Amino acid sequence: MNKEIIKFLRKSHNLNQRDFAKLVNCSYALIALVEVGKRRVTSDLETKVKNTFDLDQKQIDSIAAIVKTISDAPPFI
């Protein structure tokens, strides 16, 4: 799991960073730092996110593929 997946999950559930952090039971600062790339997604955070959103590794891989497709697409004009 990486910062793009965290951000994708947060935004796809219409959550701000504070609400996402409360939902997964971690600090707002951790989510903010992860999303800007100053902290890695720890195994603990990954477990909390997977449990909160009931995700398995196959679903995480699917989300990663979606995020990659989106990031590789040309920008909207």
PDB file of N, CA and C in Angstrom:
ATOM      1  N   MET A   1       0.858  -1.171   0.000  1.00  0.00           N
ATOM      2  CA  MET A   1       0.000   0.000   0.000  1.00  0.00           C
ATOM      3  C   MET A   1       0.903   1.233   0.000  1.00  0.00           C
ATOM      4  N   ASN A   2       0.459   2.261  -0.722  1.00  0.00           N
ATOM      5  CA  ASN A   2       1.255   3.485  -0.806  1.00  0.00           C
ATOM      6  C   ASN A   2       0.374   4.709  -0.596  1.00  0.00           C
ATOM      7  N   LYS A   3       1.006   5.874  -0.661  1.00  0.00           N
ATOM      8  CA  LYS A   3       0.287   7.124  -0.378  1.00  0.00           C
ATOM      9  C   LYS A   3      -0.841   7.373  -1.366  1.00  0.00           C
ATOM     10  N   GLU A   4      -0.667   6.972  -2.620  1.00  0.00           N
ATOM     11  CA  GLU A   4      -1.711   7.195  -3.610  1.00  0.00           C
ATOM     12  C   GLU A   4      -2.969   6.381  -3.302  1.00  0.00           C
ATOM     13  N   ILE A   5      -2.775   5.164  -2.796  1.00  0.00           N
ATOM     14  CA  ILE A   5      -3.917   4.324  -2.428  1.00  0.00           C
ATOM     15  C   ILE A   5      -4.644   4.920  -1.230  1.00  0.00           C
ATOM     16  N   ILE A   6      -3.884   5.402  -0.250  1.00  0.00           N
ATOM     17  CA  ILE A   6      -4.492   6.048   0.923  1.00  0.00           C
ATOM     18  C   ILE A   6      -5.348   7.233   0.473  1.00  0.00           C
ATOM     19  N   LYS A   7      -4.765   8.080  -0.356  1.00  0.00           N
ATOM     20  CA  LYS A   7      -5.476   9.273  -0.821  1.00  0.00           C
ATOM     21  C   LYS A   7      -6.698   8.896  -1.654  1.00  0.00           C
ATOM     22  N   PHE A   8      -6.559   7.887  -2.507  1.00  0.00           N
ATOM     23  CA  PHE A   8      -7.678   7.431  -3.331  1.00  0.00           C
ATOM     24  C   PHE A   8      -8.823   6.931  -2.455  1.00  0.00           C
ATOM     25  N   LEU A   9      -8.504   6.112  -1.469  1.00  0.00           N
ATOM     26  CA  LEU A   9      -9.545   5.596  -0.572  1.00  0.00           C
ATOM     27  C   LEU A   9     -10.229   6.732   0.178  1.00  0.00           C
ATOM     28  N   ARG A  10      -9.434   7.654   0.679  1.00  0.00           N
ATOM     29  CA  ARG A  10      -9.993   8.780   1.431  1.00  0.00           C
ATOM     30  C   ARG A  10     -10.940   9.593   0.563  1.00  0.00           C
ATOM     31  N   LYS A  11     -10.469   9.962  -0.616  1.00  0.00           N
ATOM     32  CA  LYS A  11     -11.291  10.802  -1.490  1.00  0.00           C
ATOM     33  C   LYS A  11     -12.503  10.047  -2.033  1.00  0.00           C
ATOM     34  N   SER A  12     -12.355   8.770  -2.327  1.00  0.00           N
ATOM     35  CA  SER A  12     -13.483   8.006  -2.868  1.00  0.00           C
ATOM     36  C   SER A  12     -14.589   7.804  -1.828  1.00  0.00           C
ATOM     37  N   HIS A  13     -14.238   7.967  -0.553  1.00  0.00           N
ATOM     38  CA  HIS A  13     -15.245   7.900   0.509  1.00  0.00           C
ATOM     39  C   HIS A  13     -15.641   9.295   0.999  1.00  0.00           C
ATOM     40  N   ASN A  14     -15.240  10.308   0.248  1.00  0.00           N
ATOM     41  CA  ASN A  14     -15.580  11.707   0.570  1.00  0.00           C
ATOM     42  C   ASN A  14     -15.209  12.086   2.001  1.00  0.00           C
ATOM     43  N   LEU A  15     -13.994  11.719   2.392  1.00  0.00           N
ATOM     44  CA  LEU A  15     -13.518  12.024   3.739  1.00  0.00           C
ATOM     45  C   LEU A  15     -12.378  13.030   3.671  1.00  0.00           C
ATOM     46  N   ASN A  16     -12.333  13.937   4.633  1.00  0.00           N
ATOM     47  CA  ASN A  16     -11.146  14.774   4.747  1.00  0.00           C
ATOM     48  C   ASN A  16     -10.109  13.981   5.543  1.00  0.00           C
ATOM     49  N   GLN A  17      -8.905  14.517   5.645  1.00  0.00           N
ATOM     50  CA  GLN A  17      -7.836  13.777   6.314  1.00  0.00           C
ATOM     51  C   GLN A  17      -8.147  13.493   7.776  1.00  0.00           C
ATOM     52  N   ARG A  18      -8.760  14.451   8.456  1.00  0.00           N
ATOM     53  CA  ARG A  18      -9.088  14.252   9.870  1.00  0.00           C
ATOM     54  C   ARG A  18     -10.116  13.133  10.060  1.00  0.00           C
ATOM     55  N   ASP A  19     -11.164  13.138   9.248  1.00  0.00           N
ATOM     56  CA  ASP A  19     -12.195  12.108   9.374  1.00  0.00           C
ATOM     57  C   ASP A  19     -11.660  10.726   8.995  1.00  0.00           C
ATOM     58  N   PHE A  20     -10.816  10.687   7.965  1.00  0.00           N
ATOM     59  CA  PHE A  20     -10.189   9.423   7.565  1.00  0.00           C
ATOM     60  C   PHE A  20      -9.340   8.885   8.715  1.00  0.00           C
ATOM     61  N   ALA A  21      -8.549   9.758   9.326  1.00  0.00           N
ATOM     62  CA  ALA A  21      -7.695   9.352  10.440  1.00  0.00           C
ATOM     63  C   ALA A  21      -8.519   8.812  11.614  1.00  0.00           C
ATOM     64  N   LYS A  22      -9.612   9.497  11.936  1.00  0.00           N
ATOM     65  CA  LYS A  22     -10.484   9.018  13.014  1.00  0.00           C
ATOM     66  C   LYS A  22     -11.054   7.648  12.682  1.00  0.00           C
ATOM     67  N   LEU A  23     -11.463   7.475  11.433  1.00  0.00           N
ATOM     68  CA  LEU A  23     -12.072   6.222  11.003  1.00  0.00           C
ATOM     69  C   LEU A  23     -11.107   5.050  11.117  1.00  0.00           C
ATOM     70  N   VAL A  24      -9.855   5.266  10.720  1.00  0.00           N
ATOM     71  CA  VAL A  24      -8.877   4.175  10.772  1.00  0.00           C
ATOM     72  C   VAL A  24      -8.111   4.133  12.088  1.00  0.00           C
ATOM     73  N   ASN A  25      -8.436   5.060  13.001  1.00  0.00           N
ATOM     74  CA  ASN A  25      -7.848   5.093  14.342  1.00  0.00           C
ATOM     75  C   ASN A  25      -6.345   5.365  14.318  1.00  0.00           C
ATOM     76  N   CYS A  26      -5.997   6.483  13.681  1.00  0.00           N
ATOM     77  CA  CYS A  26      -4.610   6.946  13.696  1.00  0.00           C
ATOM     78  C   CYS A  26      -4.635   8.466  13.754  1.00  0.00           C
ATOM     79  N   SER A  27      -3.470   9.071  13.800  1.00  0.00           N
ATOM     80  CA  SER A  27      -3.437  10.522  13.910  1.00  0.00           C
ATOM     81  C   SER A  27      -3.646  11.195  12.551  1.00  0.00           C
ATOM     82  N   TYR A  28      -4.235  12.369  12.616  1.00  0.00           N
ATOM     83  CA  TYR A  28      -4.400  13.194  11.416  1.00  0.00           C
ATOM     84  C   TYR A  28      -3.038  13.506  10.811  1.00  0.00           C
ATOM     85  N   ALA A  29      -2.057  13.781  11.666  1.00  0.00           N
ATOM     86  CA  ALA A  29      -0.713  14.131  11.188  1.00  0.00           C
ATOM     87  C   ALA A  29      -0.113  13.002  10.362  1.00  0.00           C
ATOM     88  N   LEU A  30      -0.327  11.764  10.776  1.00  0.00           N
ATOM     89  CA  LEU A  30       0.203  10.629  10.025  1.00  0.00           C
ATOM     90  C   LEU A  30      -0.386  10.592   8.625  1.00  0.00           C
ATOM     91  N   ILE A  31      -1.688  10.744   8.510  1.00  0.00           N
ATOM     92  CA  ILE A  31      -2.330  10.721   7.192  1.00  0.00           C
ATOM     93  C   ILE A  31      -1.810  11.868   6.337  1.00  0.00           C
ATOM     94  N   ALA A  32      -1.714  13.049   6.912  1.00  0.00           N
ATOM     95  CA  ALA A  32      -1.218  14.208   6.163  1.00  0.00           C
ATOM     96  C   ALA A  32       0.211  13.969   5.680  1.00  0.00           C
ATOM     97  N   LEU A  33       1.059  13.450   6.547  1.00  0.00           N
ATOM     98  CA  LEU A  33       2.455  13.200   6.174  1.00  0.00           C
ATOM     99  C   LEU A  33       2.581  12.082   5.143  1.00  0.00           C
ATOM    100  N   VAL A  34       1.766  11.057   5.264  1.00  0.00           N
ATOM    101  CA  VAL A  34       1.784   9.971   4.281  1.00  0.00           C
ATOM    102  C   VAL A  34       1.392  10.507   2.909  1.00  0.00           C
ATOM    103  N   GLU A  35       0.334  11.287   2.858  1.00  0.00           N
ATOM    104  CA  GLU A  35      -0.160  11.778   1.574  1.00  0.00           C
ATOM    105  C   GLU A  35       0.820  12.705   0.861  1.00  0.00           C
ATOM    106  N   VAL A  36       1.650  13.424   1.612  1.00  0.00           N
ATOM    107  CA  VAL A  36       2.645  14.296   0.965  1.00  0.00           C
ATOM    108  C   VAL A  36       3.984  13.584   0.776  1.00  0.00           C
ATOM    109  N   GLY A  37       4.072  12.335   1.213  1.00  0.00           N
ATOM    110  CA  GLY A  37       5.276  11.559   0.985  1.00  0.00           C
ATOM    111  C   GLY A  37       6.373  11.719   2.016  1.00  0.00           C
ATOM    112  N   LYS A  38       6.057  12.307   3.155  1.00  0.00           N
ATOM    113  CA  LYS A  38       7.072  12.484   4.198  1.00  0.00           C
ATOM    114  C   LYS A  38       7.122  11.307   5.173  1.00  0.00           C
ATOM    115  N   ARG A  39       6.114  10.452   5.126  1.00  0.00           N
ATOM    116  CA  ARG A  39       6.089   9.224   5.939  1.00  0.00           C
ATOM    117  C   ARG A  39       5.635   8.078   5.056  1.00  0.00           C
ATOM    118  N   ARG A  40       6.153   6.889   5.361  1.00  0.00           N
ATOM    119  CA  ARG A  40       5.726   5.696   4.627  1.00  0.00           C
ATOM    120  C   ARG A  40       4.436   5.149   5.237  1.00  0.00           C
ATOM    121  N   VAL A  41       3.741   4.344   4.455  1.00  0.00           N
ATOM    122  CA  VAL A  41       2.592   3.620   4.988  1.00  0.00           C
ATOM    123  C   VAL A  41       3.163   2.448   5.778  1.00  0.00           C
ATOM    124  N   THR A  42       3.005   2.490   7.080  1.00  0.00           N
ATOM    125  CA  THR A  42       3.522   1.418   7.935  1.00  0.00           C
ATOM    126  C   THR A  42       2.631   0.186   7.822  1.00  0.00           C
ATOM    127  N   SER A  43       3.137  -0.941   8.260  1.00  0.00           N
ATOM    128  CA  SER A  43       2.331  -2.163   8.238  1.00  0.00           C
ATOM    129  C   SER A  43       1.125  -2.013   9.164  1.00  0.00           C
ATOM    130  N   ASP A  44       1.304  -1.280  10.271  1.00  0.00           N
ATOM    131  CA  ASP A  44       0.199  -1.035  11.190  1.00  0.00           C
ATOM    132  C   ASP A  44      -0.905  -0.206  10.517  1.00  0.00           C
ATOM    133  N   LEU A  45      -0.513   0.861   9.832  1.00  0.00           N
ATOM    134  CA  LEU A  45      -1.498   1.684   9.134  1.00  0.00           C
ATOM    135  C   LEU A  45      -2.182   0.882   8.032  1.00  0.00           C
ATOM    136  N   GLU A  46      -1.409   0.106   7.296  1.00  0.00           N
ATOM    137  CA  GLU A  46      -1.990  -0.716   6.231  1.00  0.00           C
ATOM    138  C   GLU A  46      -3.029  -1.686   6.797  1.00  0.00           C
ATOM    139  N   THR A  47      -2.710  -2.316   7.908  1.00  0.00           N
ATOM    140  CA  THR A  47      -3.651  -3.240   8.549  1.00  0.00           C
ATOM    141  C   THR A  47      -4.927  -2.521   8.976  1.00  0.00           C
ATOM    142  N   LYS A  48      -4.767  -1.334   9.568  1.00  0.00           N
ATOM    143  CA  LYS A  48      -5.932  -0.564  10.009  1.00  0.00           C
ATOM    144  C   LYS A  48      -6.816  -0.179   8.825  1.00  0.00           C
ATOM    145  N   VAL A  49      -6.201   0.236   7.722  1.00  0.00           N
ATOM    146  CA  VAL A  49      -6.969   0.628   6.538  1.00  0.00           C
ATOM    147  C   VAL A  49      -7.686  -0.586   5.956  1.00  0.00           C
ATOM    148  N   LYS A  50      -6.973  -1.700   5.834  1.00  0.00           N
ATOM    149  CA  LYS A  50      -7.587  -2.925   5.300  1.00  0.00           C
ATOM    150  C   LYS A  50      -8.771  -3.363   6.161  1.00  0.00           C
ATOM    151  N   ASN A  51      -8.612  -3.328   7.470  1.00  0.00           N
ATOM    152  CA  ASN A  51      -9.691  -3.741   8.373  1.00  0.00           C
ATOM    153  C   ASN A  51     -10.861  -2.767   8.328  1.00  0.00           C
ATOM    154  N   THR A  52     -10.574  -1.481   8.309  1.00  0.00           N
ATOM    155  CA  THR A  52     -11.631  -0.472   8.305  1.00  0.00           C
ATOM    156  C   THR A  52     -12.499  -0.575   7.050  1.00  0.00           C
ATOM    157  N   PHE A  53     -11.848  -0.763   5.914  1.00  0.00           N
ATOM    158  CA  PHE A  53     -12.580  -0.788   4.645  1.00  0.00           C
ATOM    159  C   PHE A  53     -12.826  -2.203   4.138  1.00  0.00           C
ATOM    160  N   ASP A  54     -12.505  -3.203   4.957  1.00  0.00           N
ATOM    161  CA  ASP A  54     -12.716  -4.621   4.630  1.00  0.00           C
ATOM    162  C   ASP A  54     -12.109  -4.966   3.265  1.00  0.00           C
ATOM    163  N   LEU A  55     -10.815  -4.694   3.133  1.00  0.00           N
ATOM    164  CA  LEU A  55     -10.105  -4.918   1.877  1.00  0.00           C
ATOM    165  C   LEU A  55      -9.139  -6.087   1.998  1.00  0.00           C
ATOM    166  N   ASP A  56      -9.044  -6.884   0.935  1.00  0.00           N
ATOM    167  CA  ASP A  56      -8.013  -7.916   0.878  1.00  0.00           C
ATOM    168  C   ASP A  56      -6.950  -7.478  -0.129  1.00  0.00           C
ATOM    169  N   GLN A  57      -5.907  -8.270  -0.264  1.00  0.00           N
ATOM    170  CA  GLN A  57      -4.791  -7.866  -1.121  1.00  0.00           C
ATOM    171  C   GLN A  57      -5.207  -7.741  -2.587  1.00  0.00           C
ATOM    172  N   LYS A  58      -6.118  -8.574  -3.032  1.00  0.00           N
ATOM    173  CA  LYS A  58      -6.597  -8.495  -4.419  1.00  0.00           C
ATOM    174  C   LYS A  58      -7.281  -7.150  -4.675  1.00  0.00           C
ATOM    175  N   GLN A  59      -8.065  -6.701  -3.720  1.00  0.00           N
ATOM    176  CA  GLN A  59      -8.730  -5.404  -3.859  1.00  0.00           C
ATOM    177  C   GLN A  59      -7.721  -4.260  -3.832  1.00  0.00           C
ATOM    178  N   ILE A  60      -6.711  -4.369  -2.974  1.00  0.00           N
ATOM    179  CA  ILE A  60      -5.655  -3.354  -2.920  1.00  0.00           C
ATOM    180  C   ILE A  60      -4.934  -3.291  -4.268  1.00  0.00           C
ATOM    181  N   ASP A  61      -4.643  -4.444  -4.845  1.00  0.00           N
ATOM    182  CA  ASP A  61      -3.978  -4.481  -6.150  1.00  0.00           C
ATOM    183  C   ASP A  61      -4.843  -3.844  -7.228  1.00  0.00           C
ATOM    184  N   SER A  62      -6.151  -4.063  -7.165  1.00  0.00           N
ATOM    185  CA  SER A  62      -7.070  -3.448  -8.126  1.00  0.00           C
ATOM    186  C   SER A  62      -7.081  -1.929  -7.984  1.00  0.00           C
ATOM    187  N   ILE A  63      -7.099  -1.463  -6.755  1.00  0.00           N
ATOM    188  CA  ILE A  63      -7.054  -0.012  -6.507  1.00  0.00           C
ATOM    189  C   ILE A  63      -5.741   0.570  -7.021  1.00  0.00           C
ATOM    190  N   ALA A  64      -4.641  -0.147  -6.793  1.00  0.00           N
ATOM    191  CA  ALA A  64      -3.333   0.316  -7.273  1.00  0.00           C
ATOM    192  C   ALA A  64      -3.340   0.448  -8.793  1.00  0.00           C
ATOM    193  N   ALA A  65      -3.976  -0.499  -9.476  1.00  0.00           N
ATOM    194  CA  ALA A  65      -4.055  -0.445 -10.940  1.00  0.00           C
ATOM    195  C   ALA A  65      -4.884   0.753 -11.394  1.00  0.00           C
ATOM    196  N   ILE A  66      -5.968   1.031 -10.694  1.00  0.00           N
ATOM    197  CA  ILE A  66      -6.809   2.187 -11.023  1.00  0.00           C
ATOM    198  C   ILE A  66      -6.019   3.477 -10.827  1.00  0.00           C
ATOM    199  N   VAL A  67      -5.328   3.581  -9.710  1.00  0.00           N
ATOM    200  CA  VAL A  67      -4.542   4.777  -9.411  1.00  0.00           C
ATOM    201  C   VAL A  67      -3.465   4.985 -10.468  1.00  0.00           C
ATOM    202  N   LYS A  68      -2.817   3.910 -10.887  1.00  0.00           N
ATOM    203  CA  LYS A  68      -1.778   4.008 -11.915  1.00  0.00           C
ATOM    204  C   LYS A  68      -2.371   4.475 -13.241  1.00  0.00           C
ATOM    205  N   THR A  69      -3.515   3.936 -13.606  1.00  0.00           N
ATOM    206  CA  THR A  69      -4.176   4.336 -14.847  1.00  0.00           C
ATOM    207  C   THR A  69      -4.531   5.814 -14.820  1.00  0.00           C
ATOM    208  N   ILE A  70      -5.043   6.261 -13.702  1.00  0.00           N
ATOM    209  CA  ILE A  70      -5.407   7.665 -13.552  1.00  0.00           C
ATOM    210  C   ILE A  70      -4.168   8.556 -13.652  1.00  0.00           C
ATOM    211  N   SER A  71      -3.103   8.163 -12.988  1.00  0.00           N
ATOM    212  CA  SER A  71      -1.890   8.997 -12.983  1.00  0.00           C
ATOM    213  C   SER A  71      -1.185   9.002 -14.341  1.00  0.00           C
ATOM    214  N   ASP A  72      -1.374   7.951 -15.131  1.00  0.00           N
ATOM    215  CA  ASP A  72      -0.747   7.875 -16.458  1.00  0.00           C
ATOM    216  C   ASP A  72      -1.559   8.591 -17.532  1.00  0.00           C
ATOM    217  N   ALA A  73      -2.811   8.909 -17.233  1.00  0.00           N
ATOM    218  CA  ALA A  73      -3.684   9.551 -18.225  1.00  0.00           C
ATOM    219  C   ALA A  73      -3.283  11.007 -18.443  1.00  0.00           C
ATOM    220  N   PRO A  74      -3.527  11.505 -19.640  1.00  0.00           N
ATOM    221  CA  PRO A  74      -3.236  12.939 -19.876  1.00  0.00           C
ATOM    222  C   PRO A  74      -4.173  13.812 -19.049  1.00  0.00           C
ATOM    223  N   PRO A  75      -3.739  15.000 -18.699  1.00  0.00           N
ATOM    224  CA  PRO A  75      -4.593  15.889 -17.878  1.00  0.00           C
ATOM    225  C   PRO A  75      -5.809  16.377 -18.660  1.00  0.00           C
ATOM    226  N   PHE A  76      -6.868  16.658 -17.930  1.00  0.00           N
ATOM    227  CA  PHE A  76      -8.062  17.224 -18.543  1.00  0.00           C
ATOM    228  C   PHE A  76      -7.809  18.697 -18.873  1.00  0.00           C
ATOM    229  N   ILE A  77      -8.389  19.127 -19.951  1.00  0.00           N
ATOM    230  CA  ILE A  77      -8.227  20.533 -20.342  1.00  0.00           C
ATOM    231  C   ILE A  77      -9.560  21.227 -20.267  1.00  0.00           C
TER     232      ILE A  77
END
